[in-house]
């Protein structure tokens, strides 16, 4: 619990990747919601 407040999740993206996210026909699950808010960094 304490560790998760001390780390930063991030994922590598490229300039072209700054585009609209793919739309799904269903609500996102917990993993998709988590991934969607992870910091993006070039």
ModelCIF file with pLDDT and N, C-alpha, C, O atoms, coordinates in Angstrom:
data_MODEL
#
_entry.id   MODEL 
#
_entity.id                         1 
_entity.type                       polymer 
_entity.pdbx_number_of_molecules   1 
#
_entity_poly.entity_id                      1 
_entity_poly.type                           'polypeptide(L)' 
_entity_poly.nstd_linkage                   no 
_entity_poly.nstd_monomer                   no 
_entity_poly.pdbx_seq_one_letter_code       
;(UNK)(UNK)(UNK)(UNK)(UNK)(UNK)(UNK)(UNK)(UNK)(UNK)(UNK)(UNK)(UNK)(UNK)(UNK)(UNK)
(UNK)(UNK)(UNK)(UNK)(UNK)(UNK)(UNK)(UNK)(UNK)(UNK)(UNK)(UNK)(UNK)(UNK)(UNK)(UNK)
(UNK)(UNK)(UNK)(UNK)(UNK)(UNK)(UNK)(UNK)(UNK)(UNK)
;
_entity_poly.pdbx_seq_one_letter_code_can   XXXXXXXXXXXXXXXXXXXXXXXXXXXXXXXXXXXXXXXXXX 
_entity_poly.pdbx_strand_id                 A 
#
loop_
_entity_poly_seq.entity_id 
_entity_poly_seq.num 
_entity_poly_seq.mon_id 
_entity_poly_seq.hetero 
1 1  UNK n 
1 2  UNK n 
1 3  UNK n 
1 4  UNK n 
1 5  UNK n 
1 6  UNK n 
1 7  UNK n 
1 8  UNK n 
1 9  UNK n 
1 10 UNK n 
1 11 UNK n 
1 12 UNK n 
1 13 UNK n 
1 14 UNK n 
1 15 UNK n 
1 16 UNK n 
1 17 UNK n 
1 18 UNK n 
1 19 UNK n 
1 20 UNK n 
1 21 UNK n 
1 22 UNK n 
1 23 UNK n 
1 24 UNK n 
1 25 UNK n 
1 26 UNK n 
1 27 UNK n 
1 28 UNK n 
1 29 UNK n 
1 30 UNK n 
1 31 UNK n 
1 32 UNK n 
1 33 UNK n 
1 34 UNK n 
1 35 UNK n 
1 36 UNK n 
1 37 UNK n 
1 38 UNK n 
1 39 UNK n 
1 40 UNK n 
1 41 UNK n 
1 42 UNK n 
#
_struct_asym.id          A 
_struct_asym.entity_id   1 
#
loop_
_ma_qa_metric.id 
_ma_qa_metric.mode 
_ma_qa_metric.name 
_ma_qa_metric.software_group_id 
_ma_qa_metric.type 
1 global pLDDT . pLDDT 
2 local  pLDDT . pLDDT 
#
_ma_qa_metric_global.metric_id      1 
_ma_qa_metric_global.metric_value   67.98 
_ma_qa_metric_global.model_id       1 
_ma_qa_metric_global.ordinal_id     1 
#
loop_
_ma_qa_metric_local.label_asym_id 
_ma_qa_metric_local.label_comp_id 
_ma_qa_metric_local.label_seq_id 
_ma_qa_metric_local.metric_id 
_ma_qa_metric_local.metric_value 
_ma_qa_metric_local.model_id 
_ma_qa_metric_local.ordinal_id 
A UNK 1  2 93.00 1 1  
A UNK 2  2 94.00 1 2  
A UNK 3  2 94.00 1 3  
A UNK 4  2 92.00 1 4  
A UNK 5  2 92.00 1 5  
A UNK 6  2 93.00 1 6  
A UNK 7  2 90.00 1 7  
A UNK 8  2 85.00 1 8  
A UNK 9  2 86.00 1 9  
A UNK 10 2 80.00 1 10 
A UNK 11 2 72.00 1 11 
A UNK 12 2 68.00 1 12 
A UNK 13 2 61.00 1 13 
A UNK 14 2 56.00 1 14 
A UNK 15 2 53.00 1 15 
A UNK 16 2 55.00 1 16 
A UNK 17 2 49.00 1 17 
A UNK 18 2 48.00 1 18 
A UNK 19 2 46.00 1 19 
A UNK 20 2 41.00 1 20 
A UNK 21 2 45.00 1 21 
A UNK 22 2 48.00 1 22 
A UNK 23 2 47.00 1 23 
A UNK 24 2 51.00 1 24 
A UNK 25 2 56.00 1 25 
A UNK 26 2 61.00 1 26 
A UNK 27 2 69.00 1 27 
A UNK 28 2 71.00 1 28 
A UNK 29 2 75.00 1 29 
A UNK 30 2 75.00 1 30 
A UNK 31 2 76.00 1 31 
A UNK 32 2 77.00 1 32 
A UNK 33 2 75.00 1 33 
A UNK 34 2 69.00 1 34 
A UNK 35 2 72.00 1 35 
A UNK 36 2 72.00 1 36 
A UNK 37 2 63.00 1 37 
A UNK 38 2 68.00 1 38 
A UNK 39 2 59.00 1 39 
A UNK 40 2 63.00 1 40 
A UNK 41 2 58.00 1 41 
A UNK 42 2 57.00 1 42 
#
loop_
_atom_site.group_PDB 
_atom_site.id 
_atom_site.type_symbol 
_atom_site.label_atom_id 
_atom_site.label_alt_id 
_atom_site.label_comp_id 
_atom_site.label_asym_id 
_atom_site.label_entity_id 
_atom_site.label_seq_id 
_atom_site.pdbx_PDB_ins_code 
_atom_site.Cartn_x 
_atom_site.Cartn_y 
_atom_site.Cartn_z 
_atom_site.occupancy 
_atom_site.B_iso_or_equiv 
_atom_site.pdbx_formal_charge 
_atom_site.auth_seq_id 
_atom_site.auth_comp_id 
_atom_site.auth_asym_id 
_atom_site.auth_atom_id 
_atom_site.pdbx_PDB_model_num 
ATOM 1   N N  . UNK A 1 1  ? 0.811   -1.216 0.000   1.00 93.00 ? 1  UNK A N  1 
ATOM 2   C CA . UNK A 1 1  ? 0.000   0.000  0.000   1.00 93.00 ? 1  UNK A CA 1 
ATOM 3   C C  . UNK A 1 1  ? 0.841   1.261  0.000   1.00 93.00 ? 1  UNK A C  1 
ATOM 4   O O  . UNK A 1 1  ? 0.535   2.210  -0.722  1.00 93.00 ? 1  UNK A O  1 
ATOM 5   N N  . UNK A 1 2  ? 1.911   1.284  0.813   1.00 94.00 ? 2  UNK A N  1 
ATOM 6   C CA . UNK A 1 2  ? 2.789   2.460  0.863   1.00 94.00 ? 2  UNK A CA 1 
ATOM 7   C C  . UNK A 1 2  ? 3.635   2.573  -0.394  1.00 94.00 ? 2  UNK A C  1 
ATOM 8   O O  . UNK A 1 2  ? 3.852   3.672  -0.904  1.00 94.00 ? 2  UNK A O  1 
ATOM 9   N N  . UNK A 1 3  ? 4.116   1.429  -0.899  1.00 94.00 ? 3  UNK A N  1 
ATOM 10  C CA . UNK A 1 3  ? 4.982   1.453  -2.081  1.00 94.00 ? 3  UNK A CA 1 
ATOM 11  C C  . UNK A 1 3  ? 4.255   2.012  -3.293  1.00 94.00 ? 3  UNK A C  1 
ATOM 12  O O  . UNK A 1 3  ? 4.824   2.801  -4.047  1.00 94.00 ? 3  UNK A O  1 
ATOM 13  N N  . UNK A 1 4  ? 3.003   1.611  -3.489  1.00 92.00 ? 4  UNK A N  1 
ATOM 14  C CA . UNK A 1 4  ? 2.261   2.046  -4.676  1.00 92.00 ? 4  UNK A CA 1 
ATOM 15  C C  . UNK A 1 4  ? 2.051   3.556  -4.707  1.00 92.00 ? 4  UNK A C  1 
ATOM 16  O O  . UNK A 1 4  ? 1.765   4.120  -5.763  1.00 92.00 ? 4  UNK A O  1 
ATOM 17  N N  . UNK A 1 5  ? 2.190   4.207  -3.567  1.00 92.00 ? 5  UNK A N  1 
ATOM 18  C CA . UNK A 1 5  ? 2.096   5.672  -3.532  1.00 92.00 ? 5  UNK A CA 1 
ATOM 19  C C  . UNK A 1 5  ? 3.446   6.333  -3.827  1.00 92.00 ? 5  UNK A C  1 
ATOM 20  O O  . UNK A 1 5  ? 3.526   7.552  -3.976  1.00 92.00 ? 5  UNK A O  1 
ATOM 21  N N  . UNK A 1 6  ? 4.502   5.522  -3.910  1.00 93.00 ? 6  UNK A N  1 
ATOM 22  C CA . UNK A 1 6  ? 5.856   6.066  -4.104  1.00 93.00 ? 6  UNK A CA 1 
ATOM 23  C C  . UNK A 1 6  ? 6.420   5.816  -5.498  1.00 93.00 ? 6  UNK A C  1 
ATOM 24  O O  . UNK A 1 6  ? 7.554   6.203  -5.779  1.00 93.00 ? 6  UNK A O  1 
ATOM 25  N N  . UNK A 1 7  ? 5.645   5.172  -6.379  1.00 90.00 ? 7  UNK A N  1 
ATOM 26  C CA . UNK A 1 7  ? 6.169   4.841  -7.709  1.00 90.00 ? 7  UNK A CA 1 
ATOM 27  C C  . UNK A 1 7  ? 5.358   5.550  -8.789  1.00 90.00 ? 7  UNK A C  1 
ATOM 28  O O  . UNK A 1 7  ? 4.204   5.925  -8.583  1.00 90.00 ? 7  UNK A O  1 
ATOM 29  N N  . UNK A 1 8  ? 5.991   5.722  -9.942  1.00 85.00 ? 8  UNK A N  1 
ATOM 30  C CA . UNK A 1 8  ? 5.352   6.352  -11.097 1.00 85.00 ? 8  UNK A CA 1 
ATOM 31  C C  . UNK A 1 8  ? 5.295   5.338  -12.239 1.00 85.00 ? 8  UNK A C  1 
ATOM 32  O O  . UNK A 1 8  ? 6.329   4.858  -12.704 1.00 85.00 ? 8  UNK A O  1 
ATOM 33  N N  . UNK A 1 9  ? 4.099   5.021  -12.679 1.00 86.00 ? 9  UNK A N  1 
ATOM 34  C CA . UNK A 1 9  ? 3.927   4.157  -13.847 1.00 86.00 ? 9  UNK A CA 1 
ATOM 35  C C  . UNK A 1 9  ? 4.009   5.029  -15.105 1.00 86.00 ? 9  UNK A C  1 
ATOM 36  O O  . UNK A 1 9  ? 3.467   6.134  -15.138 1.00 86.00 ? 9  UNK A O  1 
ATOM 37  N N  . UNK A 1 10 ? 4.682   4.533  -16.124 1.00 80.00 ? 10 UNK A N  1 
ATOM 38  C CA . UNK A 1 10 ? 4.752   5.287  -17.383 1.00 80.00 ? 10 UNK A CA 1 
ATOM 39  C C  . UNK A 1 10 ? 4.896   4.339  -18.562 1.00 80.00 ? 10 UNK A C  1 
ATOM 40  O O  . UNK A 1 10 ? 5.281   3.180  -18.404 1.00 80.00 ? 10 UNK A O  1 
ATOM 41  N N  . UNK A 1 11 ? 4.586   4.843  -19.727 1.00 72.00 ? 11 UNK A N  1 
ATOM 42  C CA . UNK A 1 11 ? 4.733   4.049  -20.946 1.00 72.00 ? 11 UNK A CA 1 
ATOM 43  C C  . UNK A 1 11 ? 5.309   4.944  -22.031 1.00 72.00 ? 11 UNK A C  1 
ATOM 44  O O  . UNK A 1 11 ? 4.994   6.131  -22.115 1.00 72.00 ? 11 UNK A O  1 
ATOM 45  N N  . UNK A 1 12 ? 6.158   4.353  -22.858 1.00 68.00 ? 12 UNK A N  1 
ATOM 46  C CA . UNK A 1 12 ? 6.809   5.103  -23.935 1.00 68.00 ? 12 UNK A CA 1 
ATOM 47  C C  . UNK A 1 12 ? 5.832   5.282  -25.091 1.00 68.00 ? 12 UNK A C  1 
ATOM 48  O O  . UNK A 1 12 ? 5.212   4.322  -25.548 1.00 68.00 ? 12 UNK A O  1 
ATOM 49  N N  . UNK A 1 13 ? 5.704   6.514  -25.555 1.00 61.00 ? 13 UNK A N  1 
ATOM 50  C CA . UNK A 1 13 ? 4.876   6.808  -26.723 1.00 61.00 ? 13 UNK A CA 1 
ATOM 51  C C  . UNK A 1 13 ? 5.693   7.630  -27.694 1.00 61.00 ? 13 UNK A C  1 
ATOM 52  O O  . UNK A 1 13 ? 6.739   8.169  -27.332 1.00 61.00 ? 13 UNK A O  1 
ATOM 53  N N  . UNK A 1 14 ? 5.217   7.728  -28.939 1.00 56.00 ? 14 UNK A N  1 
ATOM 54  C CA . UNK A 1 14 ? 5.870   8.505  -29.978 1.00 56.00 ? 14 UNK A CA 1 
ATOM 55  C C  . UNK A 1 14 ? 4.954   9.651  -30.389 1.00 56.00 ? 14 UNK A C  1 
ATOM 56  O O  . UNK A 1 14 ? 3.753   9.588  -30.129 1.00 56.00 ? 14 UNK A O  1 
ATOM 57  N N  . UNK A 1 15 ? 5.486   10.702 -31.026 1.00 53.00 ? 15 UNK A N  1 
ATOM 58  C CA . UNK A 1 15 ? 4.659   11.858 -31.380 1.00 53.00 ? 15 UNK A CA 1 
ATOM 59  C C  . UNK A 1 15 ? 3.388   11.506 -32.138 1.00 53.00 ? 15 UNK A C  1 
ATOM 60  O O  . UNK A 1 15 ? 2.336   12.101 -31.904 1.00 53.00 ? 15 UNK A O  1 
ATOM 61  N N  . UNK A 1 16 ? 3.483   10.541 -33.045 1.00 55.00 ? 16 UNK A N  1 
ATOM 62  C CA . UNK A 1 16 ? 2.316   10.184 -33.851 1.00 55.00 ? 16 UNK A CA 1 
ATOM 63  C C  . UNK A 1 16 ? 1.234   9.503  -33.026 1.00 55.00 ? 16 UNK A C  1 
ATOM 64  O O  . UNK A 1 16 ? 0.078   9.438  -33.444 1.00 55.00 ? 16 UNK A O  1 
ATOM 65  N N  . UNK A 1 17 ? 1.614   8.983  -31.829 1.00 49.00 ? 17 UNK A N  1 
ATOM 66  C CA . UNK A 1 17 ? 0.676   8.225  -31.022 1.00 49.00 ? 17 UNK A CA 1 
ATOM 67  C C  . UNK A 1 17 ? -0.320  9.108  -30.287 1.00 49.00 ? 17 UNK A C  1 
ATOM 68  O O  . UNK A 1 17 ? -1.273  8.610  -29.686 1.00 49.00 ? 17 UNK A O  1 
ATOM 69  N N  . UNK A 1 18 ? -0.103  10.413 -30.333 1.00 48.00 ? 18 UNK A N  1 
ATOM 70  C CA . UNK A 1 18 ? -1.008  11.322 -29.646 1.00 48.00 ? 18 UNK A CA 1 
ATOM 71  C C  . UNK A 1 18 ? -2.256  11.510 -30.504 1.00 48.00 ? 18 UNK A C  1 
ATOM 72  O O  . UNK A 1 18 ? -2.461  12.553 -31.125 1.00 48.00 ? 18 UNK A O  1 
ATOM 73  N N  . UNK A 1 19 ? -3.060  10.494 -30.516 1.00 46.00 ? 19 UNK A N  1 
ATOM 74  C CA . UNK A 1 19 ? -4.265  10.480 -31.328 1.00 46.00 ? 19 UNK A CA 1 
ATOM 75  C C  . UNK A 1 19 ? -5.405  9.937  -30.487 1.00 46.00 ? 19 UNK A C  1 
ATOM 76  O O  . UNK A 1 19 ? -5.183  9.439  -29.384 1.00 46.00 ? 19 UNK A O  1 
ATOM 77  N N  . UNK A 1 20 ? -6.603  10.030 -30.992 1.00 41.00 ? 20 UNK A N  1 
ATOM 78  C CA . UNK A 1 20 ? -7.757  9.574  -30.235 1.00 41.00 ? 20 UNK A CA 1 
ATOM 79  C C  . UNK A 1 20 ? -7.652  8.086  -29.947 1.00 41.00 ? 20 UNK A C  1 
ATOM 80  O O  . UNK A 1 20 ? -7.231  7.304  -30.800 1.00 41.00 ? 20 UNK A O  1 
ATOM 81  N N  . UNK A 1 21 ? -8.039  7.703  -28.733 1.00 45.00 ? 21 UNK A N  1 
ATOM 82  C CA . UNK A 1 21 ? -7.994  6.302  -28.341 1.00 45.00 ? 21 UNK A CA 1 
ATOM 83  C C  . UNK A 1 21 ? -9.062  5.514  -29.092 1.00 45.00 ? 21 UNK A C  1 
ATOM 84  O O  . UNK A 1 21 ? -10.082 6.057  -29.515 1.00 45.00 ? 21 UNK A O  1 
ATOM 85  N N  . UNK A 1 22 ? -8.796  4.226  -29.242 1.00 48.00 ? 22 UNK A N  1 
ATOM 86  C CA . UNK A 1 22 ? -9.752  3.378  -29.929 1.00 48.00 ? 22 UNK A CA 1 
ATOM 87  C C  . UNK A 1 22 ? -11.038 3.282  -29.103 1.00 48.00 ? 22 UNK A C  1 
ATOM 88  O O  . UNK A 1 22 ? -10.997 3.196  -27.876 1.00 48.00 ? 22 UNK A O  1 
ATOM 89  N N  . UNK A 1 23 ? -12.152 3.298  -29.784 1.00 47.00 ? 23 UNK A N  1 
ATOM 90  C CA . UNK A 1 23 ? -13.433 3.202  -29.103 1.00 47.00 ? 23 UNK A CA 1 
ATOM 91  C C  . UNK A 1 23 ? -13.893 1.752  -29.070 1.00 47.00 ? 23 UNK A C  1 
ATOM 92  O O  . UNK A 1 23 ? -13.787 1.021  -30.055 1.00 47.00 ? 23 UNK A O  1 
ATOM 93  N N  . UNK A 1 24 ? -14.405 1.359  -27.915 1.00 51.00 ? 24 UNK A N  1 
ATOM 94  C CA . UNK A 1 24 ? -14.897 0.006  -27.746 1.00 51.00 ? 24 UNK A CA 1 
ATOM 95  C C  . UNK A 1 24 ? -16.414 0.037  -27.640 1.00 51.00 ? 24 UNK A C  1 
ATOM 96  O O  . UNK A 1 24 ? -17.008 1.056  -27.285 1.00 51.00 ? 24 UNK A O  1 
ATOM 97  N N  . UNK A 1 25 ? -17.013 -1.070 -27.947 1.00 56.00 ? 25 UNK A N  1 
ATOM 98  C CA . UNK A 1 25 ? -18.448 -1.155 -27.830 1.00 56.00 ? 25 UNK A CA 1 
ATOM 99  C C  . UNK A 1 25 ? -18.898 -1.539 -26.431 1.00 56.00 ? 25 UNK A C  1 
ATOM 100 O O  . UNK A 1 25 ? -20.088 -1.757 -26.207 1.00 56.00 ? 25 UNK A O  1 
ATOM 101 N N  . UNK A 1 26 ? -17.961 -1.628 -25.474 1.00 61.00 ? 26 UNK A N  1 
ATOM 102 C CA . UNK A 1 26 ? -18.284 -1.996 -24.100 1.00 61.00 ? 26 UNK A CA 1 
ATOM 103 C C  . UNK A 1 26 ? -17.511 -1.087 -23.148 1.00 61.00 ? 26 UNK A C  1 
ATOM 104 O O  . UNK A 1 26 ? -16.509 -0.498 -23.553 1.00 61.00 ? 26 UNK A O  1 
ATOM 105 N N  . UNK A 1 27 ? -17.938 -0.959 -21.916 1.00 69.00 ? 27 UNK A N  1 
ATOM 106 C CA . UNK A 1 27 ? -17.202 -0.142 -20.943 1.00 69.00 ? 27 UNK A CA 1 
ATOM 107 C C  . UNK A 1 27 ? -15.821 -0.743 -20.686 1.00 69.00 ? 27 UNK A C  1 
ATOM 108 O O  . UNK A 1 27 ? -15.688 -1.967 -20.690 1.00 69.00 ? 27 UNK A O  1 
ATOM 109 N N  . UNK A 1 28 ? -14.785 0.076  -20.462 1.00 71.00 ? 28 UNK A N  1 
ATOM 110 C CA . UNK A 1 28 ? -13.448 -0.457 -20.196 1.00 71.00 ? 28 UNK A CA 1 
ATOM 111 C C  . UNK A 1 28 ? -13.408 -1.190 -18.860 1.00 71.00 ? 28 UNK A C  1 
ATOM 112 O O  . UNK A 1 28 ? -14.092 -0.798 -17.914 1.00 71.00 ? 28 UNK A O  1 
ATOM 113 N N  . UNK A 1 29 ? -12.603 -2.260 -18.779 1.00 75.00 ? 29 UNK A N  1 
ATOM 114 C CA . UNK A 1 29 ? -12.458 -2.960 -17.506 1.00 75.00 ? 29 UNK A CA 1 
ATOM 115 C C  . UNK A 1 29 ? -11.426 -2.259 -16.647 1.00 75.00 ? 29 UNK A C  1 
ATOM 116 O O  . UNK A 1 29 ? -10.893 -1.222 -17.042 1.00 75.00 ? 29 UNK A O  1 
ATOM 117 N N  . UNK A 1 30 ? -11.132 -2.815 -15.464 1.00 75.00 ? 30 UNK A N  1 
ATOM 118 C CA . UNK A 1 30 ? -10.262 -2.140 -14.504 1.00 75.00 ? 30 UNK A CA 1 
ATOM 119 C C  . UNK A 1 30 ? -8.843  -1.955 -15.050 1.00 75.00 ? 30 UNK A C  1 
ATOM 120 O O  . UNK A 1 30 ? -8.212  -0.929 -14.795 1.00 75.00 ? 30 UNK A O  1 
ATOM 121 N N  . UNK A 1 31 ? -8.336  -2.943 -15.799 1.00 76.00 ? 31 UNK A N  1 
ATOM 122 C CA . UNK A 1 31 ? -6.989  -2.829 -16.361 1.00 76.00 ? 31 UNK A CA 1 
ATOM 123 C C  . UNK A 1 31 ? -6.937  -1.746 -17.432 1.00 76.00 ? 31 UNK A C  1 
ATOM 124 O O  . UNK A 1 31 ? -5.974  -0.981 -17.489 1.00 76.00 ? 31 UNK A O  1 
ATOM 125 N N  . UNK A 1 32 ? -7.951  -1.672 -18.274 1.00 77.00 ? 32 UNK A N  1 
ATOM 126 C CA . UNK A 1 32 ? -8.004  -0.647 -19.323 1.00 77.00 ? 32 UNK A CA 1 
ATOM 127 C C  . UNK A 1 32 ? -8.089  0.752  -18.712 1.00 77.00 ? 32 UNK A C  1 
ATOM 128 O O  . UNK A 1 32 ? -7.459  1.691  -19.199 1.00 77.00 ? 32 UNK A O  1 
ATOM 129 N N  . UNK A 1 33 ? -8.868  0.879  -17.649 1.00 75.00 ? 33 UNK A N  1 
ATOM 130 C CA . UNK A 1 33 ? -8.960  2.191  -16.977 1.00 75.00 ? 33 UNK A CA 1 
ATOM 131 C C  . UNK A 1 33 ? -7.622  2.579  -16.384 1.00 75.00 ? 33 UNK A C  1 
ATOM 132 O O  . UNK A 1 33 ? -7.224  3.742  -16.446 1.00 75.00 ? 33 UNK A O  1 
ATOM 133 N N  . UNK A 1 34 ? -6.916  1.595  -15.802 1.00 69.00 ? 34 UNK A N  1 
ATOM 134 C CA . UNK A 1 34 ? -5.606  1.880  -15.217 1.00 69.00 ? 34 UNK A CA 1 
ATOM 135 C C  . UNK A 1 34 ? -4.614  2.312  -16.299 1.00 69.00 ? 34 UNK A C  1 
ATOM 136 O O  . UNK A 1 34 ? -3.912  3.310  -16.138 1.00 69.00 ? 34 UNK A O  1 
ATOM 137 N N  . UNK A 1 35 ? -4.558  1.560  -17.400 1.00 72.00 ? 35 UNK A N  1 
ATOM 138 C CA . UNK A 1 35 ? -3.622  1.862  -18.484 1.00 72.00 ? 35 UNK A CA 1 
ATOM 139 C C  . UNK A 1 35 ? -3.905  3.240  -19.077 1.00 72.00 ? 35 UNK A C  1 
ATOM 140 O O  . UNK A 1 35 ? -2.979  3.946  -19.476 1.00 72.00 ? 35 UNK A O  1 
ATOM 141 N N  . UNK A 1 36 ? -5.176  3.624  -19.137 1.00 72.00 ? 36 UNK A N  1 
ATOM 142 C CA . UNK A 1 36 ? -5.546  4.900  -19.768 1.00 72.00 ? 36 UNK A CA 1 
ATOM 143 C C  . UNK A 1 36 ? -5.024  6.111  -19.011 1.00 72.00 ? 36 UNK A C  1 
ATOM 144 O O  . UNK A 1 36 ? -4.889  7.186  -19.594 1.00 72.00 ? 36 UNK A O  1 
ATOM 145 N N  . UNK A 1 37 ? -4.728  5.958  -17.715 1.00 63.00 ? 37 UNK A N  1 
ATOM 146 C CA . UNK A 1 37 ? -4.258  7.109  -16.928 1.00 63.00 ? 37 UNK A CA 1 
ATOM 147 C C  . UNK A 1 37 ? -2.759  7.042  -16.641 1.00 63.00 ? 37 UNK A C  1 
ATOM 148 O O  . UNK A 1 37 ? -2.217  7.912  -15.959 1.00 63.00 ? 37 UNK A O  1 
ATOM 149 N N  . UNK A 1 38 ? -2.080  6.001  -17.165 1.00 68.00 ? 38 UNK A N  1 
ATOM 150 C CA . UNK A 1 38 ? -0.631  5.903  -16.968 1.00 68.00 ? 38 UNK A CA 1 
ATOM 151 C C  . UNK A 1 38 ? 0.063   7.028  -17.731 1.00 68.00 ? 38 UNK A C  1 
ATOM 152 O O  . UNK A 1 38 ? -0.328  7.365  -18.848 1.00 68.00 ? 38 UNK A O  1 
ATOM 153 N N  . UNK A 1 39 ? 1.082   7.595  -17.127 1.00 59.00 ? 39 UNK A N  1 
ATOM 154 C CA . UNK A 1 39 ? 1.823   8.711  -17.728 1.00 59.00 ? 39 UNK A CA 1 
ATOM 155 C C  . UNK A 1 39 ? 2.445   8.267  -19.048 1.00 59.00 ? 39 UNK A C  1 
ATOM 156 O O  . UNK A 1 39 ? 3.067   7.208  -19.124 1.00 59.00 ? 39 UNK A O  1 
ATOM 157 N N  . UNK A 1 40 ? 2.272   9.088  -20.089 1.00 63.00 ? 40 UNK A N  1 
ATOM 158 C CA . UNK A 1 40 ? 2.882   8.824  -21.386 1.00 63.00 ? 40 UNK A CA 1 
ATOM 159 C C  . UNK A 1 40 ? 4.100   9.718  -21.558 1.00 63.00 ? 40 UNK A C  1 
ATOM 160 O O  . UNK A 1 40 ? 4.051   10.911 -21.260 1.00 63.00 ? 40 UNK A O  1 
ATOM 161 N N  . UNK A 1 41 ? 5.193   9.138  -22.040 1.00 58.00 ? 41 UNK A N  1 
ATOM 162 C CA . UNK A 1 41 ? 6.436   9.896  -22.162 1.00 58.00 ? 41 UNK A CA 1 
ATOM 163 C C  . UNK A 1 41 ? 7.166   9.514  -23.438 1.00 58.00 ? 41 UNK A C  1 
ATOM 164 O O  . UNK A 1 41 ? 7.337   8.332  -23.739 1.00 58.00 ? 41 UNK A O  1 
ATOM 165 N N  . UNK A 1 42 ? 7.596   10.528 -24.188 1.00 57.00 ? 42 UNK A N  1 
ATOM 166 C CA . UNK A 1 42 ? 8.398   10.274 -25.386 1.00 57.00 ? 42 UNK A CA 1 
ATOM 167 C C  . UNK A 1 42 ? 9.836   9.947  -25.020 1.00 57.00 ? 42 UNK A C  1 
ATOM 168 O O  . UNK A 1 42 ? 10.658  9.704  -25.904 1.00 57.00 ? 42 UNK A O  1 
#
